[in-house]
Amino acid sequence: MTGTITLTMIKPDAVANNHIGGILKMINEAGFRIKAMKYTLLSKEQAGQFYAVHKDKGFYNDLVEFMTSGPIVAAILEKDNAIADFRKLIGATNPANAEPGTVRATYAESVQRNAVHGSDSDENAIIESDFFFSKVDRF
């Protein structure tokens, strides 16, 4: 299968609540192929670099603190129309507004603790994937 890619991170809240398996099951059942995956703990420097686009926003420091509060699972996912399909699968950032059956409606706790990250564009999917994975790490 060849399609487009997206990057996801299963965030510290979902990892701590033992939702890795359930989220990966939803991803697999939605037809995504996992191209690369790792379980890791971000340093403050790494989280700051990853979220640098938000540096001037009020939530930046809290986001960096949260994303370094525990391990994450980063994965490159592949599917035709990966970005749009994944964003539909994960649901609205605020789980209260997420459609039933989406990842966030099922597993997120709040806007801040929203279980997963998903790339918002093809360009960012490549940048974000390159942040976590070398070309040799991808199948």
Protein backbone atom coordinates (compact mmCIF):
# COMPACT_ATOMS: atom_id res chain seq x y z
CA MET A 1 0.00 0.00 0.00
CA THR A 2 1.24 3.46 -0.78
CA GLY A 3 -0.64 6.48 0.37
CA THR A 4 0.01 9.68 2.18
CA ILE A 5 1.35 9.85 5.71
CA THR A 6 0.42 11.48 8.98
CA LEU A 7 2.14 11.52 12.33
CA THR A 8 0.38 10.70 15.54
CA MET A 9 1.49 10.84 19.11
CA ILE A 10 -0.40 8.99 21.79
CA LYS A 11 0.03 11.58 24.52
CA PRO A 12 1.12 11.06 28.16
CA ASP A 13 -2.46 11.03 29.49
CA ALA A 14 -3.54 8.18 27.22
CA VAL A 15 -0.31 6.25 27.84
CA ALA A 16 -0.71 6.61 31.64
CA ASN A 17 -4.32 5.43 31.40
CA ASN A 18 -3.34 2.30 29.45
CA HIS A 19 -5.09 3.36 26.23
CA ILE A 20 -2.25 2.58 23.79
CA GLY A 21 -3.80 -0.73 22.69
CA GLY A 22 -7.29 0.68 22.29
CA ILE A 23 -6.08 3.65 20.26
CA LEU A 24 -3.88 1.47 18.04
CA LYS A 25 -6.84 -0.85 17.48
CA MET A 26 -8.97 2.09 16.32
CA ILE A 27 -6.14 3.20 14.00
CA ASN A 28 -5.78 -0.30 12.51
CA GLU A 29 -9.53 -0.76 12.10
CA ALA A 30 -9.71 2.58 10.25
CA GLY A 31 -7.35 1.17 7.60
CA PHE A 32 -4.09 2.90 8.56
CA ARG A 33 -0.79 1.09 8.17
CA ILE A 34 1.86 1.77 10.81
CA LYS A 35 5.09 2.67 8.99
CA ALA A 36 7.18 3.38 12.11
CA MET A 37 6.47 3.51 15.82
CA LYS A 38 8.36 4.26 19.02
CA TYR A 39 7.72 4.59 22.74
CA THR A 40 9.74 7.49 24.10
CA LEU A 41 9.94 10.23 26.70
CA LEU A 42 10.37 13.76 25.34
CA SER A 43 12.77 16.16 27.04
CA LYS A 44 11.61 19.74 27.59
CA GLU A 45 13.98 20.79 24.80
CA GLN A 46 12.50 18.24 22.36
CA ALA A 47 8.90 19.13 23.24
CA GLY A 48 9.73 22.82 22.91
CA GLN A 49 11.26 22.22 19.50
CA PHE A 50 8.33 20.08 18.31
CA TYR A 51 5.78 22.70 19.41
CA ALA A 52 7.89 25.76 18.49
CA VAL A 53 5.09 26.97 16.19
CA HIS A 54 3.06 27.66 19.37
CA LYS A 55 5.88 29.38 21.31
CA ASP A 56 4.11 32.75 21.43
CA LYS A 57 0.76 31.32 22.54
CA GLY A 58 -0.42 31.33 26.14
CA PHE A 59 -0.70 27.56 26.35
CA TYR A 60 2.85 26.80 25.12
CA ASN A 61 4.54 26.30 28.52
CA ASP A 62 1.70 24.13 29.81
CA LEU A 63 1.82 22.09 26.60
CA VAL A 64 5.56 21.48 26.94
CA GLU A 65 5.10 20.53 30.62
CA PHE A 66 2.29 18.13 29.76
CA MET A 67 4.10 16.51 26.83
CA THR A 68 7.14 15.82 29.04
CA SER A 69 5.10 14.52 31.99
CA GLY A 70 5.32 10.90 30.84
CA PRO A 71 6.09 8.67 27.87
CA ILE A 72 4.42 9.00 24.48
CA VAL A 73 4.01 6.72 21.49
CA ALA A 74 4.93 8.37 18.19
CA ALA A 75 3.91 6.69 14.94
CA ILE A 76 3.92 7.37 11.23
CA LEU A 77 0.66 6.21 9.69
CA GLU A 78 -0.02 5.63 6.01
CA LYS A 79 -3.30 5.57 4.12
CA ASP A 80 -4.84 7.27 1.11
CA ASN A 81 -6.02 10.69 2.33
CA ALA A 82 -4.18 10.11 5.64
CA ILE A 83 -4.40 13.64 7.07
CA ALA A 84 -8.14 14.15 6.61
CA ASP A 85 -9.04 10.57 7.51
CA PHE A 86 -6.94 10.63 10.67
CA ARG A 87 -8.27 13.99 11.81
CA LYS A 88 -11.78 12.62 11.35
CA LEU A 89 -10.85 9.49 13.34
CA ILE A 90 -9.40 11.43 16.27
CA GLY A 91 -12.22 13.99 16.48
CA ALA A 92 -12.34 17.56 17.75
CA THR A 93 -9.56 18.85 20.03
CA ASN A 94 -12.14 19.35 22.76
CA PRO A 95 -13.49 15.86 23.50
CA ALA A 96 -16.82 17.41 24.53
CA ASN A 97 -17.23 18.43 20.87
CA ALA A 98 -15.83 15.20 19.38
CA GLU A 99 -18.15 12.88 17.48
CA PRO A 100 -19.04 9.66 19.32
CA GLY A 101 -16.73 6.82 18.34
CA THR A 102 -13.72 9.06 17.71
CA VAL A 103 -10.47 8.59 19.59
CA ARG A 104 -10.91 11.76 21.61
CA ALA A 105 -14.57 11.11 22.44
CA THR A 106 -13.52 7.68 23.66
CA TYR A 107 -10.19 8.39 25.42
CA ALA A 108 -9.55 12.12 25.95
CA GLU A 109 -10.02 13.80 29.33
CA SER A 110 -10.07 17.48 28.33
CA VAL A 111 -8.88 19.99 25.73
CA GLN A 112 -5.42 19.89 27.29
CA ARG A 113 -5.35 16.13 27.92
CA ASN A 114 -6.78 15.10 24.56
CA ALA A 115 -5.11 11.68 24.13
CA VAL A 116 -3.56 12.08 20.66
CA HIS A 117 -1.84 14.41 18.25
CA GLY A 118 -2.43 14.30 14.51
CA SER A 119 -0.63 16.24 11.80
CA ASP A 120 -2.69 19.06 10.30
CA SER A 121 -1.16 19.12 6.80
CA ASP A 122 0.93 17.03 4.42
CA GLU A 123 3.85 19.43 4.93
CA ASN A 124 3.67 19.18 8.73
CA ALA A 125 3.30 15.38 8.56
CA ILE A 126 6.69 15.20 6.85
CA ILE A 127 8.32 17.67 9.25
CA GLU A 128 6.86 15.90 12.28
CA SER A 129 7.76 12.43 10.98
CA ASP A 130 11.33 13.57 10.34
CA PHE A 131 11.46 14.87 13.92
CA PHE A 132 10.93 11.38 15.34
CA PHE A 133 12.16 8.98 12.66
CA SER A 134 15.08 8.68 10.26
CA LYS A 135 14.37 7.42 6.73
CA VAL A 136 15.84 4.00 7.65
CA ASP A 137 13.31 3.59 10.48
CA ARG A 138 10.41 3.54 8.01
CA PHE A 139 9.09 0.43 6.27
